[in-house]
C-alpha atoms as a PDB file:
ATOM      1  CA  MET A   1      -0.137   0.221  -0.040  1.00  0.00           C
ATOM      2  CA  SER A   2       1.249   3.136  -0.956  1.00  0.00           C
ATOM      3  CA  ASP A   3       1.581   6.786   1.370  1.00  0.00           C
ATOM      4  CA  ALA A   4      -0.967   7.861  -0.806  1.00  0.00           C
ATOM      5  CA  GLU A   5      -3.502   5.289  -0.352  1.00  0.00           C
ATOM      6  CA  GLY A   6      -3.018   4.984   3.871  1.00  0.00           C
ATOM      7  CA  LYS A   7      -3.808   9.028   3.396  1.00  0.00           C
ATOM      8  CA  ILE A   8      -7.034   8.073   1.560  1.00  0.00           C
ATOM      9  CA  LEU A   9      -7.894   5.362   3.876  1.00  0.00           C
ATOM     10  CA  LYS A  10      -7.424   7.041   6.904  1.00  0.00           C
ATOM     11  CA  ILE A  11      -9.610  10.082   5.363  1.00  0.00           C
ATOM     12  CA  TYR A  12     -12.601   7.785   4.677  1.00  0.00           C
ATOM     13  CA  ASP A  13     -12.159   6.161   8.275  1.00  0.00           C
ATOM     14  CA  GLY A  14     -13.970   8.012  10.088  1.00  0.00           C
ATOM     15  CA  SER A  15     -17.186   7.293   7.515  1.00  0.00           C
ATOM     16  CA  LYS A  16     -17.414   3.420   7.923  1.00  0.00           C
ATOM     17  CA  PRO A  17     -20.161   2.901  10.622  1.00  0.00           C
ATOM     18  CA  GLU A  18     -20.305   1.786  13.891  1.00  0.00           C
ATOM     19  CA  ASP A  19     -21.104  -1.806  14.616  1.00  0.00           C
ATOM     20  CA  GLU A  20     -21.901  -1.362  18.762  1.00  0.00           C
ATOM     21  CA  ASP A  21     -24.152   1.309  18.198  1.00  0.00           C
ATOM     22  CA  LEU A  22     -26.699  -0.452  15.338  1.00  0.00           C
ATOM     23  CA  HIS A  23     -29.242  -2.801  16.257  1.00  0.00           C
ATOM     24  CA  ASP A  24     -30.273  -6.236  14.575  1.00  0.00           C
ATOM     25  CA  THR A  25     -33.445  -5.321  13.235  1.00  0.00           C
ATOM     26  CA  ARG A  26     -34.614  -8.993  11.914  1.00  0.00           C
ATOM     27  CA  TYR A  27     -35.783  -9.807  15.482  1.00  0.00           C
ATOM     28  CA  TYR A  28     -38.203  -7.319  15.685  1.00  0.00           C
ATOM     29  CA  LEU A  29     -39.364  -8.054  11.957  1.00  0.00           C
ATOM     30  CA  HIS A  30     -39.682 -11.626  14.036  1.00  0.00           C
ATOM     31  CA  TRP A  31     -42.362  -9.817  15.955  1.00  0.00           C
ATOM     32  CA  ALA A  32     -44.114  -7.891  13.963  1.00  0.00           C
ATOM     33  CA  TRP A  33     -44.973 -10.818  11.754  1.00  0.00           C
ATOM     34  CA  GLY A  34     -45.493 -13.524  14.189  1.00  0.00           C
ATOM     35  CA  LEU A  35     -48.134 -10.633  15.549  1.00  0.00           C
ATOM     36  CA  VAL A  36     -49.799 -10.330  12.170  1.00  0.00           C
ATOM     37  CA  ALA A  37     -49.892 -13.968  12.019  1.00  0.00           C
ATOM     38  CA  VAL A  38     -50.989 -14.087  15.380  1.00  0.00           C
ATOM     39  CA  LEU A  39     -53.946 -11.601  14.276  1.00  0.00           C
ATOM     40  CA  VAL A  40     -54.919 -13.755  11.243  1.00  0.00           C
ATOM     41  CA  GLY A  41     -55.564 -16.587  12.283  1.00  0.00           C
ATOM     42  CA  MET A  42     -57.987 -14.150  14.901  1.00  0.00           C
ATOM     43  CA  VAL A  43     -59.866 -13.098  12.462  1.00  0.00           C
ATOM     44  CA  PHE A  44     -60.248 -16.532  10.892  1.00  0.00           C
ATOM     45  CA  TRP A  45     -61.104 -18.042  14.267  1.00  0.00           C
ATOM     46  CA  LEU A  46     -63.815 -15.297  14.779  1.00  0.00           C
ATOM     47  CA  CYS A  47     -65.534 -15.626  10.822  1.00  0.00           C
ATOM     48  CA  ILE A  48     -65.938 -19.643  11.890  1.00  0.00           C
ATOM     49  CA  ALA A  49     -67.348 -18.379  14.788  1.00  0.00           C
ATOM     50  CA  LEU A  50     -69.385 -15.548  13.063  1.00  0.00           C
ATOM     51  CA  VAL A  51     -71.057 -18.413  10.752  1.00  0.00           C
ATOM     52  CA  ASN A  52     -71.580 -20.891  13.546  1.00  0.00           C
ATOM     53  CA  ALA A  53     -73.572 -18.722  15.166  1.00  0.00           C
ATOM     54  CA  GLU A  54     -75.553 -17.158  12.379  1.00  0.00           C
ATOM     55  CA  ASN A  55     -75.897 -20.720  11.393  1.00  0.00           C
ATOM     56  CA  GLN A  56     -77.876 -21.451  14.578  1.00  0.00           C
ATOM     57  CA  ARG A  57     -79.664 -18.050  15.077  1.00  0.00           C
ATOM     58  CA  ASN A  58     -81.128 -18.802  11.346  1.00  0.00           C
ATOM     59  CA  ALA A  59     -82.189 -22.268  12.054  1.00  0.00           C
ATOM     60  CA  LEU A  60     -84.112 -21.045  15.243  1.00  0.00           C
ATOM     61  CA  VAL A  61     -85.410 -18.064  13.918  1.00  0.00           C
ATOM     62  CA  ASN A  62     -87.283 -20.436  10.754  1.00  0.00           C
ATOM     63  CA  LYS A  63     -87.966 -22.766  13.180  1.00  0.00           C
ATOM     64  CA  GLN A  64     -86.038 -25.619  11.462  1.00  0.00           C
ATOM     65  CA  CYS A  65     -85.036 -27.364  14.759  1.00  0.00           C
ATOM     66  CA  ALA A  66     -88.658 -27.664  16.813  1.00  0.00           C
ATOM     67  CA  ASP A  67     -88.520 -31.066  18.944  1.00  0.00           C
ATOM     68  CA  PRO A  68     -90.872 -33.003  17.833  1.00  0.00           C
ATOM     69  CA  VAL A  69     -91.228 -34.764  20.610  1.00  0.00           C
ATOM     70  CA  PHE A  70     -91.940 -31.499  23.409  1.00  0.00           C
ATOM     71  CA  LYS A  71     -93.570 -28.666  21.757  1.00  0.00           C
ATOM     72  CA  GLY A  72     -92.048 -25.197  22.034  1.00  0.00           C
ATOM     73  CA  GLU A  73     -88.420 -26.976  22.982  1.00  0.00           C
ATOM     74  CA  ILE A  74     -85.667 -26.857  20.719  1.00  0.00           C
ATOM     75  CA  ASP A  75     -84.031 -29.734  19.369  1.00  0.00           C
ATOM     76  CA  ARG A  76     -79.830 -29.678  20.368  1.00  0.00           C
ATOM     77  CA  LEU A  77     -78.638 -32.300  18.129  1.00  0.00           C
ATOM     78  CA  CYS A  78     -80.337 -30.265  15.321  1.00  0.00           C
ATOM     79  CA  LEU A  79     -78.635 -27.114  15.879  1.00  0.00           C
ATOM     80  CA  ARG A  80     -75.213 -28.715  15.609  1.00  0.00           C
ATOM     81  CA  THR A  81     -75.894 -30.403  12.560  1.00  0.00           C
ATOM     82  CA  VAL A  82     -78.718 -27.789  10.665  1.00  0.00           C
ATOM     83  CA  ARG A  83     -77.666 -26.158   7.554  1.00  0.00           C
ATOM     84  CA  SER A  84     -80.075 -23.101   7.347  1.00  0.00           C
ATOM     85  CA  ARG A  85     -78.660 -21.620   4.583  1.00  0.00           C
ATOM     86  CA  GLU A  86     -76.911 -23.168   1.197  1.00  0.00           C
ATOM     87  CA  HIS A  87     -73.249 -21.653   1.887  1.00  0.00           C
ATOM     88  CA  TRP A  88     -71.508 -20.711   4.587  1.00  0.00           C
ATOM     89  CA  TRP A  89     -70.298 -17.714   2.941  1.00  0.00           C
ATOM     90  CA  GLU A  90     -74.275 -16.031   2.919  1.00  0.00           C
ATOM     91  CA  HIS A  91     -73.629 -16.779   7.019  1.00  0.00           C
ATOM     92  CA  LEU A  92     -70.634 -14.932   7.156  1.00  0.00           C
ATOM     93  CA  TRP A  93     -72.011 -11.851   4.778  1.00  0.00           C
ATOM     94  CA  TYR A  94     -75.571 -11.872   6.719  1.00  0.00           C
ATOM     95  CA  GLY A  95     -73.420 -11.479  10.250  1.00  0.00           C
ATOM     96  CA  VAL A  96     -71.180  -8.969   8.964  1.00  0.00           C
ATOM     97  CA  SER A  97     -73.354  -7.029   7.212  1.00  0.00           C
ATOM     98  CA  HIS A  98     -76.649  -6.892   9.869  1.00  0.00           C
ATOM     99  CA  ILE A  99     -74.937  -5.513  13.133  1.00  0.00           C
ATOM    100  CA  ARG A 100     -77.983  -4.731  14.897  1.00  0.00           C
ATOM    101  CA  PRO A 101     -80.964  -7.600  14.962  1.00  0.00           C
ATOM    102  CA  GLU A 102     -84.196  -6.698  12.661  1.00  0.00           C
ATOM    103  CA  THR A 103     -87.701  -5.470  14.704  1.00  0.00           C
ATOM    104  CA  PRO A 104     -90.631  -5.827  13.582  1.00  0.00           C
ATOM    105  CA  GLU A 105     -92.080  -2.870  11.866  1.00  0.00           C
ATOM    106  CA  THR A 106     -94.715  -1.087  14.158  1.00  0.00           C
ATOM    107  CA  PRO A 107     -97.670  -0.131  12.929  1.00  0.00           C
ATOM    108  CA  LYS A 108     -98.487   3.633  11.767  1.00  0.00           C
ATOM    109  CA  VAL A 109    -100.396   5.981  13.939  1.00  0.00           C
ATOM    110  CA  ARG A 110    -103.058   7.907  12.322  1.00  0.00           C
ATOM    111  CA  ARG A 111    -102.919  11.310  13.879  1.00  0.00           C
ATOM    112  CA  HIS A 112    -106.048  13.212  13.665  1.00  0.00           C
END
């Protein structure tokens, strides 16, 4: 190495990054992607729970699971196995799009 090269290396020696002060960002990204995976799993699980609840709610509203022996009672085995709509996504869409329960219309009062 010549004297000129040594001077140039000495000039640029201060511009090298200090490795001791840098943090390893790989571990932060692992935590972030792990959190994303957990949240996606929770959303998936909540969608399955919503589909099952809406399926049972729709079966109860349409009286598909009435107990044949005891009038006015509910057949619990039927509630576990009933398919009240054609596809699962219909339950999901209804559950997501109907936030409040439907109420029967009240009769209009005539004012004199």
